[in-house]
Amino acid sequence: MDGPPPPAGRVDHDRYEDSYLREVLRSVKTIAMVGASTNWNRPSYFAMKYLLDHGFKIYPVNPAAAGQEILGQRVYADLNDLPETVDMVDIFRNSQAAGPITDAAIKHGARVVWMQLTVRNDAAAERAEVAGLKVVMNRCPKIEHSRLIGKLEWHGIASGVISSKKRRL
């Protein structure tokens, strides 16, 4: 049994409606990717490349790489260093770290907190929702975006890293 639905006005973080994810993704133009990696074979790198390729402005946030560039985007040490208030904070850190990052996102003025695959912090989500933010947990915006627009990139096929040439018989 699935259990009772969430209280009115609350989101069921165990199962997101496509309409909710669409609304979130359509409302976002700028994203702070906390935990972005300079390593080309890390999931955050692939997600960042996909989101950049689909018109999102990405601000990578990683104190260890501050001042460097990832995919041509300057890396910032934390949300306080960003040149503008972003629409969404995408968390590529563990569930415990998601709490303080969510609090920083609330303070920053973001409208959305998105916790990546395997990242879930219900207490942080509740704080964000009480502050008026939309929250998505244990999902990847790259996967959800490509699924909702009907593309195959979410399989990694069109990531630009793997390629194949049509062979003649």
N, C-alpha and C. Protein backbone atom coordinates (compact mmCIF):
# COMPACT_ATOMS: atom_id res chain seq x y z
N MET A 1 0.83 -1.18 0.00
CA MET A 1 0.00 0.00 0.00
C MET A 1 0.88 1.24 0.00
N ASP A 2 0.45 2.24 -0.75
CA ASP A 2 1.25 3.44 -0.90
C ASP A 2 1.17 4.39 0.28
N GLY A 3 0.19 4.27 1.14
CA GLY A 3 0.04 5.17 2.27
C GLY A 3 -0.82 6.36 1.90
N PRO A 4 -1.10 7.19 2.88
CA PRO A 4 -1.98 8.34 2.63
C PRO A 4 -1.27 9.40 1.80
N PRO A 5 -2.06 10.22 1.09
CA PRO A 5 -1.45 11.30 0.32
C PRO A 5 -0.90 12.35 1.28
N PRO A 6 0.01 13.18 0.80
CA PRO A 6 0.56 14.24 1.67
C PRO A 6 -0.54 15.26 2.00
N PRO A 7 -0.37 16.01 3.08
CA PRO A 7 -1.34 17.04 3.41
C PRO A 7 -1.50 18.05 2.27
N ALA A 8 -2.65 18.72 2.22
CA ALA A 8 -2.92 19.69 1.17
C ALA A 8 -1.79 20.71 1.07
N GLY A 9 -1.37 20.98 -0.16
CA GLY A 9 -0.31 21.95 -0.39
C GLY A 9 1.09 21.39 -0.25
N ARG A 10 1.22 20.14 0.17
CA ARG A 10 2.53 19.52 0.34
C ARG A 10 2.81 18.59 -0.84
N VAL A 11 4.06 18.40 -1.13
CA VAL A 11 4.47 17.54 -2.24
C VAL A 11 4.81 16.17 -1.69
N ASP A 12 4.41 15.13 -2.42
CA ASP A 12 4.78 13.76 -2.07
C ASP A 12 6.19 13.52 -2.62
N HIS A 13 7.17 13.50 -1.73
CA HIS A 13 8.55 13.37 -2.18
C HIS A 13 8.95 11.92 -2.49
N ASP A 14 8.00 11.02 -2.39
CA ASP A 14 8.26 9.64 -2.80
C ASP A 14 7.86 9.42 -4.26
N ARG A 15 7.01 10.31 -4.77
CA ARG A 15 6.53 10.16 -6.14
C ARG A 15 6.12 11.55 -6.66
N TYR A 16 6.84 12.05 -7.62
CA TYR A 16 6.55 13.36 -8.17
C TYR A 16 5.66 13.24 -9.41
N GLU A 17 4.68 14.10 -9.48
CA GLU A 17 3.86 14.18 -10.67
C GLU A 17 4.69 14.85 -11.77
N ASP A 18 4.53 14.40 -13.00
CA ASP A 18 5.25 15.03 -14.12
C ASP A 18 4.93 16.51 -14.20
N SER A 19 3.70 16.89 -13.90
CA SER A 19 3.32 18.30 -13.97
C SER A 19 4.12 19.14 -12.98
N TYR A 20 4.42 18.60 -11.81
CA TYR A 20 5.22 19.31 -10.81
C TYR A 20 6.65 19.49 -11.32
N LEU A 21 7.25 18.41 -11.84
CA LEU A 21 8.62 18.50 -12.36
C LEU A 21 8.70 19.46 -13.54
N ARG A 22 7.70 19.41 -14.44
CA ARG A 22 7.66 20.34 -15.57
C ARG A 22 7.61 21.79 -15.09
N GLU A 23 6.73 22.04 -14.12
CA GLU A 23 6.58 23.40 -13.57
C GLU A 23 7.90 23.88 -12.99
N VAL A 24 8.59 23.02 -12.24
CA VAL A 24 9.87 23.39 -11.65
C VAL A 24 10.88 23.69 -12.74
N LEU A 25 11.05 22.78 -13.69
CA LEU A 25 12.07 22.96 -14.72
C LEU A 25 11.78 24.15 -15.63
N ARG A 26 10.51 24.41 -15.92
CA ARG A 26 10.17 25.56 -16.76
C ARG A 26 10.42 26.88 -16.04
N SER A 27 10.39 26.87 -14.73
CA SER A 27 10.57 28.11 -13.97
C SER A 27 12.04 28.46 -13.75
N VAL A 28 12.92 27.56 -14.10
CA VAL A 28 14.35 27.71 -13.81
C VAL A 28 15.12 28.14 -15.04
N LYS A 29 15.93 29.17 -14.86
CA LYS A 29 16.86 29.61 -15.92
C LYS A 29 18.31 29.55 -15.43
N THR A 30 18.51 29.81 -14.12
CA THR A 30 19.86 29.81 -13.55
C THR A 30 19.96 28.76 -12.45
N ILE A 31 21.08 28.04 -12.43
CA ILE A 31 21.28 26.95 -11.48
C ILE A 31 22.66 27.05 -10.85
N ALA A 32 22.70 26.95 -9.52
CA ALA A 32 23.97 26.77 -8.82
C ALA A 32 24.12 25.27 -8.59
N MET A 33 25.17 24.68 -9.14
CA MET A 33 25.41 23.25 -8.99
C MET A 33 26.44 23.05 -7.89
N VAL A 34 25.96 22.76 -6.68
CA VAL A 34 26.83 22.60 -5.52
C VAL A 34 27.40 21.18 -5.52
N GLY A 35 28.73 21.11 -5.58
CA GLY A 35 29.40 19.82 -5.68
C GLY A 35 29.80 19.50 -7.11
N ALA A 36 29.77 20.50 -7.97
CA ALA A 36 30.20 20.32 -9.35
C ALA A 36 31.65 19.86 -9.37
N SER A 37 31.95 18.94 -10.27
CA SER A 37 33.29 18.38 -10.34
C SER A 37 34.03 18.81 -11.59
N THR A 38 35.33 19.02 -11.46
CA THR A 38 36.19 19.31 -12.60
C THR A 38 36.55 18.02 -13.35
N ASN A 39 36.23 16.88 -12.77
CA ASN A 39 36.54 15.58 -13.36
C ASN A 39 35.49 15.23 -14.41
N TRP A 40 35.91 15.08 -15.65
CA TRP A 40 34.98 14.89 -16.78
C TRP A 40 34.12 13.63 -16.67
N ASN A 41 34.54 12.65 -15.88
CA ASN A 41 33.74 11.43 -15.81
C ASN A 41 32.88 11.32 -14.55
N ARG A 42 32.65 12.42 -13.87
CA ARG A 42 31.75 12.44 -12.71
C ARG A 42 30.34 12.81 -13.16
N PRO A 43 29.32 12.28 -12.47
CA PRO A 43 27.93 12.58 -12.86
C PRO A 43 27.61 14.07 -12.91
N SER A 44 28.18 14.86 -12.01
CA SER A 44 27.87 16.30 -12.02
C SER A 44 28.37 16.96 -13.31
N TYR A 45 29.48 16.47 -13.84
CA TYR A 45 30.03 17.01 -15.08
C TYR A 45 29.07 16.75 -16.24
N PHE A 46 28.56 15.50 -16.33
CA PHE A 46 27.61 15.15 -17.39
C PHE A 46 26.32 15.95 -17.25
N ALA A 47 25.83 16.07 -16.02
CA ALA A 47 24.60 16.83 -15.79
C ALA A 47 24.80 18.29 -16.17
N MET A 48 25.94 18.85 -15.79
CA MET A 48 26.23 20.24 -16.11
C MET A 48 26.30 20.45 -17.62
N LYS A 49 26.98 19.55 -18.31
CA LYS A 49 27.08 19.66 -19.77
C LYS A 49 25.71 19.62 -20.41
N TYR A 50 24.89 18.68 -20.00
CA TYR A 50 23.54 18.56 -20.55
C TYR A 50 22.74 19.84 -20.30
N LEU A 51 22.73 20.32 -19.07
CA LEU A 51 21.93 21.50 -18.73
C LEU A 51 22.43 22.74 -19.47
N LEU A 52 23.75 22.90 -19.59
CA LEU A 52 24.30 24.00 -20.39
C LEU A 52 23.84 23.90 -21.84
N ASP A 53 23.92 22.69 -22.40
CA ASP A 53 23.53 22.46 -23.79
C ASP A 53 22.05 22.73 -24.03
N HIS A 54 21.25 22.71 -22.96
CA HIS A 54 19.81 22.94 -23.08
C HIS A 54 19.39 24.33 -22.58
N GLY A 55 20.35 25.24 -22.54
CA GLY A 55 20.03 26.64 -22.33
C GLY A 55 20.02 27.14 -20.90
N PHE A 56 20.36 26.31 -19.94
CA PHE A 56 20.41 26.77 -18.56
C PHE A 56 21.75 27.46 -18.29
N LYS A 57 21.74 28.49 -17.46
CA LYS A 57 22.96 29.15 -17.00
C LYS A 57 23.38 28.44 -15.73
N ILE A 58 24.59 27.88 -15.72
CA ILE A 58 25.07 27.09 -14.58
C ILE A 58 26.23 27.80 -13.89
N TYR A 59 26.13 27.88 -12.57
CA TYR A 59 27.22 28.36 -11.74
C TYR A 59 27.73 27.18 -10.91
N PRO A 60 28.88 26.60 -11.29
CA PRO A 60 29.42 25.51 -10.49
C PRO A 60 29.91 26.03 -9.14
N VAL A 61 29.60 25.30 -8.08
CA VAL A 61 30.01 25.68 -6.72
C VAL A 61 30.80 24.52 -6.13
N ASN A 62 32.09 24.78 -5.84
CA ASN A 62 32.96 23.77 -5.26
C ASN A 62 34.16 24.50 -4.66
N PRO A 63 34.23 24.58 -3.32
CA PRO A 63 35.32 25.35 -2.70
C PRO A 63 36.71 24.87 -3.08
N ALA A 64 36.87 23.57 -3.35
CA ALA A 64 38.18 23.03 -3.72
C ALA A 64 38.62 23.47 -5.11
N ALA A 65 37.66 23.88 -5.94
CA ALA A 65 37.99 24.26 -7.31
C ALA A 65 37.68 25.74 -7.59
N ALA A 66 37.40 26.51 -6.56
CA ALA A 66 37.04 27.92 -6.74
C ALA A 66 38.08 28.66 -7.57
N GLY A 67 37.61 29.45 -8.52
CA GLY A 67 38.49 30.20 -9.40
C GLY A 67 38.85 29.47 -10.67
N GLN A 68 38.67 28.15 -10.70
CA GLN A 68 38.91 27.38 -11.91
C GLN A 68 37.68 27.47 -12.81
N GLU A 69 37.69 26.73 -13.91
CA GLU A 69 36.54 26.66 -14.79
C GLU A 69 36.14 25.22 -15.01
N ILE A 70 34.84 25.02 -15.13
CA ILE A 70 34.27 23.73 -15.54
C ILE A 70 33.40 24.03 -16.75
N LEU A 71 33.71 23.40 -17.86
CA LEU A 71 32.97 23.60 -19.10
C LEU A 71 32.82 25.09 -19.44
N GLY A 72 33.89 25.84 -19.20
CA GLY A 72 33.91 27.26 -19.50
C GLY A 72 33.20 28.15 -18.50
N GLN A 73 32.73 27.58 -17.39
CA GLN A 73 32.02 28.35 -16.37
C GLN A 73 32.91 28.49 -15.14
N ARG A 74 33.03 29.72 -14.64
CA ARG A 74 33.84 29.97 -13.45
C ARG A 74 33.25 29.25 -12.25
N VAL A 75 34.12 28.63 -11.46
CA VAL A 75 33.70 27.91 -10.25
C VAL A 75 33.74 28.85 -9.05
N TYR A 76 32.71 28.79 -8.22
CA TYR A 76 32.61 29.64 -7.02
C TYR A 76 32.73 28.78 -5.77
N ALA A 77 33.20 29.40 -4.70
CA ALA A 77 33.41 28.68 -3.44
C ALA A 77 32.10 28.36 -2.73
N ASP A 78 31.15 29.28 -2.77
CA ASP A 78 29.85 29.02 -2.14
C ASP A 78 28.79 29.94 -2.73
N LEU A 79 27.56 29.76 -2.31
CA LEU A 79 26.44 30.52 -2.87
C LEU A 79 26.60 32.02 -2.65
N ASN A 80 27.25 32.42 -1.56
CA ASN A 80 27.44 33.85 -1.28
C ASN A 80 28.31 34.54 -2.32
N ASP A 81 29.13 33.79 -3.03
CA ASP A 81 30.05 34.36 -4.01
C ASP A 81 29.44 34.54 -5.41
N LEU A 82 28.25 34.00 -5.64
CA LEU A 82 27.65 34.06 -6.97
C LEU A 82 27.33 35.49 -7.37
N PRO A 83 27.46 35.81 -8.67
CA PRO A 83 27.20 37.17 -9.14
C PRO A 83 25.70 37.53 -9.21
N GLU A 84 24.84 36.55 -9.05
CA GLU A 84 23.40 36.81 -9.07
C GLU A 84 22.68 35.76 -8.22
N THR A 85 21.45 36.04 -7.90
CA THR A 85 20.62 35.07 -7.19
C THR A 85 20.12 34.06 -8.21
N VAL A 86 20.36 32.78 -7.96
CA VAL A 86 19.96 31.74 -8.91
C VAL A 86 18.54 31.27 -8.61
N ASP A 87 17.93 30.69 -9.63
CA ASP A 87 16.58 30.13 -9.47
C ASP A 87 16.62 28.82 -8.70
N MET A 88 17.64 28.00 -8.96
CA MET A 88 17.68 26.66 -8.38
C MET A 88 19.07 26.34 -7.84
N VAL A 89 19.09 25.64 -6.71
CA VAL A 89 20.33 25.08 -6.18
C VAL A 89 20.23 23.57 -6.34
N ASP A 90 21.13 23.01 -7.16
CA ASP A 90 21.20 21.58 -7.46
C ASP A 90 22.30 20.99 -6.58
N ILE A 91 21.93 20.05 -5.70
CA ILE A 91 22.86 19.55 -4.69
C ILE A 91 23.45 18.21 -5.10
N PHE A 92 24.75 18.22 -5.42
CA PHE A 92 25.54 17.02 -5.71
C PHE A 92 26.41 16.69 -4.51
N ARG A 93 25.81 16.63 -3.35
CA ARG A 93 26.51 16.26 -2.11
C ARG A 93 25.66 15.23 -1.40
N ASN A 94 26.13 14.67 -0.29
CA ASN A 94 25.37 13.64 0.40
C ASN A 94 24.17 14.21 1.16
N SER A 95 23.33 13.33 1.64
CA SER A 95 22.09 13.74 2.30
C SER A 95 22.33 14.61 3.53
N GLN A 96 23.37 14.31 4.29
CA GLN A 96 23.67 15.10 5.48
C GLN A 96 24.09 16.52 5.08
N ALA A 97 24.93 16.64 4.07
CA ALA A 97 25.39 17.96 3.61
C ALA A 97 24.25 18.75 2.99
N ALA A 98 23.22 18.06 2.51
CA ALA A 98 22.08 18.74 1.89
C ALA A 98 21.36 19.67 2.86
N GLY A 99 21.42 19.38 4.16
CA GLY A 99 20.77 20.24 5.15
C GLY A 99 21.33 21.65 5.16
N PRO A 100 22.62 21.82 5.45
CA PRO A 100 23.19 23.17 5.44
C PRO A 100 23.15 23.84 4.07
N ILE A 101 23.27 23.06 3.01
CA ILE A 101 23.20 23.65 1.66
C ILE A 101 21.79 24.18 1.40
N THR A 102 20.78 23.43 1.83
CA THR A 102 19.40 23.89 1.69
C THR A 102 19.19 25.18 2.47
N ASP A 103 19.72 25.25 3.69
CA ASP A 103 19.60 26.47 4.48
C ASP A 103 20.27 27.64 3.77
N ALA A 104 21.42 27.39 3.15
CA ALA A 104 22.12 28.44 2.40
C ALA A 104 21.30 28.85 1.17
N ALA A 105 20.63 27.88 0.54
CA ALA A 105 19.79 28.18 -0.63
C ALA A 105 18.61 29.07 -0.24
N ILE A 106 18.03 28.80 0.93
CA ILE A 106 16.93 29.63 1.44
C ILE A 106 17.43 31.04 1.66
N LYS A 107 18.56 31.17 2.34
CA LYS A 107 19.15 32.48 2.62
C LYS A 107 19.53 33.22 1.34
N HIS A 108 20.01 32.46 0.37
CA HIS A 108 20.44 33.03 -0.92
C HIS A 108 19.25 33.63 -1.69
N GLY A 109 18.07 33.05 -1.50
CA GLY A 109 16.89 33.53 -2.22
C GLY A 109 16.50 32.67 -3.41
N ALA A 110 17.06 31.45 -3.49
CA ALA A 110 16.68 30.53 -4.56
C ALA A 110 15.20 30.17 -4.43
N ARG A 111 14.61 29.76 -5.52
CA ARG A 111 13.20 29.36 -5.51
C ARG A 111 13.01 27.85 -5.51
N VAL A 112 14.11 27.12 -5.82
CA VAL A 112 14.05 25.67 -5.92
C VAL A 112 15.30 25.07 -5.30
N VAL A 113 15.11 23.98 -4.55
CA VAL A 113 16.22 23.13 -4.11
C VAL A 113 16.00 21.77 -4.73
N TRP A 114 17.03 21.29 -5.44
CA TRP A 114 16.95 19.99 -6.11
C TRP A 114 18.07 19.13 -5.57
N MET A 115 17.72 18.02 -4.93
CA MET A 115 18.72 17.09 -4.39
C MET A 115 18.87 15.93 -5.37
N GLN A 116 20.09 15.66 -5.75
CA GLN A 116 20.39 14.67 -6.77
C GLN A 116 20.03 13.24 -6.35
N LEU A 117 20.18 12.32 -7.29
CA LEU A 117 19.92 10.90 -7.04
C LEU A 117 20.63 10.45 -5.76
N THR A 118 19.94 9.72 -4.94
CA THR A 118 20.36 9.17 -3.64
C THR A 118 20.44 10.22 -2.54
N VAL A 119 20.15 11.49 -2.85
CA VAL A 119 20.23 12.54 -1.84
C VAL A 119 18.81 12.88 -1.38
N ARG A 120 18.58 12.69 -0.09
CA ARG A 120 17.27 12.99 0.49
C ARG A 120 17.47 13.47 1.92
N ASN A 121 16.85 14.61 2.22
CA ASN A 121 16.90 15.17 3.57
C ASN A 121 15.53 15.79 3.82
N ASP A 122 14.65 15.02 4.47
CA ASP A 122 13.27 15.45 4.67
C ASP A 122 13.16 16.69 5.56
N ALA A 123 14.00 16.79 6.57
CA ALA A 123 13.96 17.96 7.45
C ALA A 123 14.34 19.22 6.67
N ALA A 124 15.36 19.12 5.83
CA ALA A 124 15.78 20.26 5.02
C ALA A 124 14.69 20.62 4.01
N ALA A 125 14.06 19.60 3.43
CA ALA A 125 12.97 19.85 2.47
C ALA A 125 11.83 20.59 3.14
N GLU A 126 11.50 20.19 4.34
CA GLU A 126 10.42 20.86 5.07
C GLU A 126 10.76 22.32 5.35
N ARG A 127 12.01 22.57 5.76
CA ARG A 127 12.43 23.97 6.00
C ARG A 127 12.31 24.80 4.72
N ALA A 128 12.73 24.21 3.61
CA ALA A 128 12.66 24.92 2.33
C ALA A 128 11.22 25.19 1.93
N GLU A 129 10.36 24.20 2.08
CA GLU A 129 8.96 24.38 1.70
C GLU A 129 8.27 25.42 2.59
N VAL A 130 8.57 25.41 3.87
CA VAL A 130 8.01 26.41 4.78
C VAL A 130 8.46 27.81 4.35
N ALA A 131 9.69 27.91 3.81
CA ALA A 131 10.22 29.19 3.33
C ALA A 131 9.69 29.55 1.93
N GLY A 132 8.89 28.66 1.34
CA GLY A 132 8.29 28.95 0.04
C GLY A 132 9.00 28.40 -1.17
N LEU A 133 10.02 27.56 -0.97
CA LEU A 133 10.76 26.98 -2.08
C LEU A 133 10.10 25.69 -2.54
N LYS A 134 10.28 25.37 -3.82
CA LYS A 134 9.91 24.06 -4.35
C LYS A 134 11.09 23.13 -4.06
N VAL A 135 10.79 21.86 -3.82
CA VAL A 135 11.83 20.89 -3.50
C VAL A 135 11.64 19.63 -4.33
N VAL A 136 12.76 19.10 -4.84
CA VAL A 136 12.80 17.80 -5.49
C VAL A 136 13.96 17.05 -4.86
N MET A 137 13.71 15.79 -4.49
CA MET A 137 14.77 14.97 -3.88
C MET A 137 14.92 13.65 -4.63
N ASN A 138 16.13 13.12 -4.59
CA ASN A 138 16.45 11.82 -5.16
C ASN A 138 16.10 11.73 -6.64
N ARG A 139 16.34 12.80 -7.35
CA ARG A 139 16.12 12.87 -8.79
C ARG A 139 17.25 13.68 -9.42
N CYS A 140 17.41 13.52 -10.72
CA CYS A 140 18.42 14.28 -11.46
C CYS A 140 17.70 15.18 -12.47
N PRO A 141 17.99 16.49 -12.45
CA PRO A 141 17.31 17.36 -13.41
C PRO A 141 17.64 17.01 -14.87
N LYS A 142 18.84 16.50 -15.12
CA LYS A 142 19.20 16.07 -16.47
C LYS A 142 18.29 14.94 -16.92
N ILE A 143 18.13 13.94 -16.08
CA ILE A 143 17.29 12.79 -16.43
C ILE A 143 15.84 13.22 -16.58
N GLU A 144 15.34 13.99 -15.62
CA GLU A 144 13.94 14.40 -15.67
C GLU A 144 13.66 15.31 -16.85
N HIS A 145 14.55 16.25 -17.14
CA HIS A 145 14.36 17.14 -18.28
C HIS A 145 14.31 16.34 -19.58
N SER A 146 15.28 15.47 -19.78
CA SER A 146 15.32 14.71 -21.03
C SER A 146 14.15 13.75 -21.14
N ARG A 147 13.72 13.17 -20.03
CA ARG A 147 12.56 12.27 -20.04
C ARG A 147 11.31 13.06 -20.41
N LEU A 148 11.14 14.22 -19.84
CA LEU A 148 9.93 15.01 -20.07
C LEU A 148 9.87 15.61 -21.48
N ILE A 149 11.03 15.84 -22.09
CA ILE A 149 11.01 16.37 -23.46
C ILE A 149 11.17 15.26 -24.50
N GLY A 150 11.29 14.01 -24.04
CA GLY A 150 11.31 12.87 -24.94
C GLY A 150 12.61 12.64 -25.68
N LYS A 151 13.73 12.94 -25.04
CA LYS A 151 15.03 12.71 -25.67
C LYS A 151 15.72 11.51 -25.03
N LEU A 152 16.72 10.99 -25.72
CA LEU A 152 17.45 9.83 -25.22
C LEU A 152 18.69 10.19 -24.43
N GLU A 153 19.02 11.49 -24.31
CA GLU A 153 20.25 11.86 -23.63
C GLU A 153 20.36 11.28 -22.23
N TRP A 154 19.24 11.06 -21.57
CA TRP A 154 19.31 10.58 -20.19
C TRP A 154 19.97 9.21 -20.10
N HIS A 155 20.09 8.52 -21.22
CA HIS A 155 20.82 7.26 -21.23
C HIS A 155 22.32 7.48 -21.40
N GLY A 156 22.72 8.73 -21.63
CA GLY A 156 24.13 9.03 -21.84
C GLY A 156 24.54 8.90 -23.28
N ILE A 157 23.60 8.55 -24.15
CA ILE A 157 23.91 8.29 -25.55
C ILE A 157 24.38 9.55 -26.26
N ALA A 158 23.74 10.68 -25.98
CA ALA A 158 24.08 11.92 -26.67
C ALA A 158 24.84 12.87 -25.77
N SER A 159 25.68 12.33 -24.89
CA SER A 159 26.41 13.17 -23.94
C SER A 159 27.57 13.92 -24.59
N GLY A 160 27.93 13.51 -25.81
CA GLY A 160 29.06 14.15 -26.48
C GLY A 160 30.38 13.50 -26.12
N VAL A 161 30.37 12.53 -25.22
CA VAL A 161 31.59 11.84 -24.82
C VAL A 161 31.72 10.54 -25.62
N ILE A 162 30.62 9.86 -25.82
CA ILE A 162 30.61 8.61 -26.55
C ILE A 162 30.07 8.92 -27.94
N SER A 163 30.75 8.44 -28.95
CA SER A 163 30.24 8.66 -30.30
C SER A 163 30.49 7.42 -31.14
N SER A 164 29.74 7.31 -32.19
CA SER A 164 29.97 6.23 -33.12
C SER A 164 29.67 6.74 -34.52
N LYS A 165 30.33 6.18 -35.47
CA LYS A 165 30.10 6.56 -36.85
C LYS A 165 29.28 5.46 -37.51
N LYS A 166 28.40 5.87 -38.39
CA LYS A 166 27.59 4.91 -39.11
C LYS A 166 28.52 4.05 -39.97
N ARG A 167 28.37 2.76 -39.82
CA ARG A 167 29.22 1.84 -40.56
C ARG A 167 28.51 1.40 -41.84
N ARG A 168 29.29 1.26 -42.89
CA ARG A 168 28.75 0.76 -44.15
C ARG A 168 28.90 -0.74 -44.20
N LEU A 169 27.91 -1.37 -44.75
CA LEU A 169 27.97 -2.83 -44.90
C LEU A 169 28.61 -3.23 -46.19
